[in-house]
Every structure is written in structure tokens, then in C-alpha cells.
N, C-alpha and C. Protein backbone atom coordinates (compact mmCIF):
# COMPACT_ATOMS: atom_id res chain seq x y z
N MET A 1 50.42 17.92 -95.15
CA MET A 1 50.58 18.67 -94.13
C MET A 1 52.13 18.26 -93.28
N ALA A 2 52.66 18.93 -92.62
CA ALA A 2 53.62 18.93 -91.68
C ALA A 2 53.87 17.70 -90.63
N GLN A 3 54.71 16.93 -90.54
CA GLN A 3 54.78 15.77 -89.28
C GLN A 3 55.77 16.09 -88.32
N GLY A 4 55.61 15.75 -87.19
CA GLY A 4 56.50 15.83 -86.05
C GLY A 4 55.97 16.91 -85.08
N GLU A 5 57.00 17.09 -84.15
CA GLU A 5 56.72 17.98 -83.13
C GLU A 5 56.99 19.49 -83.40
N TRP A 6 56.06 20.24 -83.14
CA TRP A 6 56.38 21.51 -83.26
C TRP A 6 56.11 22.57 -81.79
N TYR A 7 56.86 23.53 -81.70
CA TYR A 7 57.24 24.43 -80.68
C TYR A 7 57.00 25.87 -80.84
N TYR A 8 56.53 26.57 -79.97
CA TYR A 8 56.41 27.99 -79.98
C TYR A 8 57.46 28.48 -79.16
N CYS A 9 58.67 29.31 -79.85
CA CYS A 9 59.65 29.72 -78.74
C CYS A 9 59.34 30.91 -78.37
N LEU A 10 59.63 31.10 -77.05
CA LEU A 10 59.43 32.20 -76.64
C LEU A 10 60.29 33.31 -76.91
N ASP A 11 61.58 32.73 -77.13
CA ASP A 11 62.80 33.65 -77.30
C ASP A 11 62.89 34.40 -78.60
N HIS A 12 62.47 33.59 -79.70
CA HIS A 12 62.33 34.03 -80.94
C HIS A 12 60.74 34.62 -81.43
N HIS A 13 59.76 34.22 -80.44
CA HIS A 13 58.73 34.58 -80.75
C HIS A 13 58.11 33.97 -82.57
N ALA A 14 58.30 32.62 -82.40
CA ALA A 14 58.49 31.74 -83.82
C ALA A 14 57.96 30.34 -83.47
N VAL A 15 57.46 29.90 -84.29
CA VAL A 15 57.04 28.64 -84.43
C VAL A 15 58.16 27.72 -84.92
N GLU A 16 58.82 26.64 -84.37
CA GLU A 16 59.84 26.17 -84.51
C GLU A 16 59.70 24.77 -84.56
N PRO A 17 60.40 23.78 -85.58
CA PRO A 17 60.27 22.25 -85.42
C PRO A 17 61.13 21.72 -84.23
N TYR A 18 60.94 20.72 -83.87
CA TYR A 18 61.77 20.34 -82.81
C TYR A 18 63.29 20.21 -82.98
N GLU A 19 63.82 19.99 -84.24
CA GLU A 19 65.29 20.28 -84.56
C GLU A 19 65.70 21.48 -84.30
N ALA A 20 65.22 22.36 -84.12
CA ALA A 20 65.54 24.02 -84.29
C ALA A 20 66.25 24.28 -82.54
N CYS A 21 65.80 25.44 -82.20
CA CYS A 21 66.19 26.08 -80.92
C CYS A 21 65.99 24.76 -79.84
N LYS A 22 67.16 24.86 -78.85
CA LYS A 22 66.81 23.93 -77.91
C LYS A 22 66.84 24.68 -76.61
N SER A 23 65.95 25.89 -76.91
CA SER A 23 65.71 26.77 -75.82
C SER A 23 64.61 26.17 -74.83
N GLU A 24 64.78 26.41 -73.42
CA GLU A 24 63.88 26.08 -72.32
C GLU A 24 63.06 27.00 -72.29
N SER A 25 63.09 27.82 -73.05
CA SER A 25 61.69 29.02 -73.02
C SER A 25 60.81 28.83 -74.65
N ARG A 26 60.35 27.31 -74.44
CA ARG A 26 59.38 27.08 -75.81
C ARG A 26 58.41 26.35 -75.06
N LEU A 27 57.13 26.21 -75.57
CA LEU A 27 56.07 25.90 -75.40
C LEU A 27 55.79 24.35 -76.60
N GLY A 28 55.21 23.62 -76.28
CA GLY A 28 55.12 22.33 -76.82
C GLY A 28 55.12 21.01 -76.12
N PRO A 29 55.28 20.05 -77.14
CA PRO A 29 55.07 19.98 -78.41
C PRO A 29 53.75 20.35 -78.98
N TYR A 30 53.45 20.68 -79.95
CA TYR A 30 52.36 20.76 -80.80
C TYR A 30 52.35 19.47 -81.84
N SER A 31 51.43 19.16 -82.36
CA SER A 31 51.31 18.32 -83.93
C SER A 31 51.44 18.99 -85.14
N THR A 32 51.05 20.14 -85.11
CA THR A 32 51.13 21.11 -86.38
C THR A 32 51.87 22.51 -85.84
N PRO A 33 52.14 23.12 -86.96
CA PRO A 33 52.60 24.73 -86.86
C PRO A 33 51.43 25.32 -86.73
N ALA A 34 50.51 25.09 -86.98
CA ALA A 34 49.27 25.89 -86.49
C ALA A 34 49.16 25.93 -85.23
N ASP A 35 48.93 24.55 -84.54
CA ASP A 35 48.52 24.34 -82.98
C ASP A 35 49.72 25.24 -82.19
N ALA A 36 50.98 25.21 -82.67
CA ALA A 36 52.06 25.97 -82.11
C ALA A 36 51.92 27.18 -82.02
N ALA A 37 51.41 27.87 -83.65
CA ALA A 37 51.40 29.08 -83.53
C ALA A 37 50.23 29.87 -82.73
N ASN A 38 49.38 29.11 -82.23
CA ASN A 38 48.30 29.45 -80.95
C ASN A 38 48.58 29.19 -79.60
N ALA A 39 50.00 28.89 -79.39
CA ALA A 39 50.17 28.40 -78.03
C ALA A 39 50.01 29.39 -77.00
N LEU A 40 50.42 30.71 -77.16
CA LEU A 40 49.98 31.78 -76.55
C LEU A 40 48.79 32.00 -76.23
N GLN A 41 47.63 32.04 -77.28
CA GLN A 41 46.36 32.04 -76.81
C GLN A 41 46.09 30.90 -76.02
N ARG A 42 46.59 29.87 -76.33
CA ARG A 42 46.07 28.53 -75.41
C ARG A 42 46.52 28.68 -73.92
N VAL A 43 47.67 29.31 -74.16
CA VAL A 43 48.03 29.43 -72.48
C VAL A 43 47.03 30.54 -71.91
N ALA A 44 46.95 31.72 -72.35
CA ALA A 44 46.00 32.76 -71.95
C ALA A 44 44.75 32.02 -71.31
N GLN A 45 43.78 31.34 -72.12
CA GLN A 45 42.69 30.99 -71.90
C GLN A 45 42.94 29.60 -70.90
N ARG A 46 43.89 29.08 -70.63
CA ARG A 46 44.28 28.04 -69.65
C ARG A 46 44.18 28.81 -68.42
N ASN A 47 44.83 29.96 -68.69
CA ASN A 47 45.25 30.78 -67.28
C ASN A 47 44.00 31.18 -66.81
N ASP A 48 43.18 31.96 -67.62
CA ASP A 48 41.82 32.27 -67.33
C ASP A 48 40.74 31.26 -66.87
N ASP A 49 40.89 30.21 -67.22
CA ASP A 49 40.06 28.93 -67.11
C ASP A 49 40.32 28.53 -65.41
N TRP A 50 41.75 28.61 -65.25
CA TRP A 50 42.46 28.24 -64.04
C TRP A 50 41.91 29.28 -62.99
N GLU A 51 42.02 30.60 -63.34
CA GLU A 51 41.86 31.54 -62.07
C GLU A 51 40.52 31.70 -61.88
N ASN A 52 39.32 31.37 -62.90
CA ASN A 52 38.25 31.39 -62.50
C ASN A 52 37.37 30.17 -62.20
N ASP A 53 38.26 29.06 -61.81
CA ASP A 53 37.71 27.89 -61.40
C ASP A 53 37.41 27.78 -60.09
N PRO A 54 36.35 27.56 -59.56
CA PRO A 54 36.04 27.62 -58.16
C PRO A 54 36.75 26.57 -57.21
N ARG A 55 37.06 25.46 -58.02
CA ARG A 55 37.79 24.57 -57.14
C ARG A 55 38.94 25.10 -56.47
N TYR A 56 39.55 26.27 -57.02
CA TYR A 56 41.02 26.78 -56.98
C TYR A 56 40.99 28.36 -56.25
N LYS A 57 40.01 28.55 -56.07
CA LYS A 57 39.37 29.82 -55.21
C LYS A 57 39.62 29.55 -53.79
N ASP A 58 40.54 30.32 -53.26
CA ASP A 58 40.39 30.63 -51.91
C ASP A 58 39.65 31.45 -51.30
N ASP A 59 38.93 31.19 -50.14
CA ASP A 59 38.19 32.13 -49.63
C ASP A 59 38.53 33.45 -48.81
N ASP A 60 39.79 33.04 -48.25
CA ASP A 60 40.61 34.01 -47.82
C ASP A 60 41.87 34.83 -48.60
N GLU A 61 41.54 34.76 -49.97
CA GLU A 61 42.67 34.95 -50.98
C GLU A 61 42.65 36.80 -51.00
N ASP A 62 41.92 37.37 -50.56
CA ASP A 62 41.85 38.82 -50.55
C ASP A 62 42.35 39.33 -49.26
N ASP A 63 42.46 38.49 -48.31
CA ASP A 63 43.33 38.77 -46.92
C ASP A 63 44.63 38.95 -46.85
N ASP A 64 45.11 38.27 -48.03
CA ASP A 64 46.43 38.20 -48.18
C ASP A 64 47.19 39.28 -48.56
N LYS A 65 46.60 40.48 -49.16
CA LYS A 65 46.80 41.63 -49.74
C LYS A 65 46.85 42.68 -48.81
N ASP A 66 47.21 42.30 -47.80
CA ASP A 66 47.62 43.63 -46.53
C ASP A 66 48.70 44.27 -46.65
């Protein structure tokens, strides 16, 4: 299994090792290439969890859409 830090590069839409692209547009680090490959799904799930967490819901959220 590959060792090191792995990233998902949003510029190249690819998994890259730490030594590759130094883009500010990358997600990670992840411990394996497979984890990095799932970065976008992980972000989507975390966003969904956050949006549906009652601790972060404002009662007047709909009032701001005037």
C-alpha cells in the first residue's frame, strides 16, 4: 500500500501525492490514494450533515430571502 500524504486536486480532478501540484485548490491530506479519490463525496456528505444539523439552523433563516 502506498505511504505518505495524498490529495485530491480540484484543478486537475485527480489524486496526487504531496510532491505533485502545489495548488491551493486541493483537498487533503489523506492517508491513501483511495481516500483522496473519495474526497468530493466526503465533502458533499459533510456539507449535507452540516446543513441538516439542528444546532446550526437559524429559526429566521427563511426571513433573509426577501
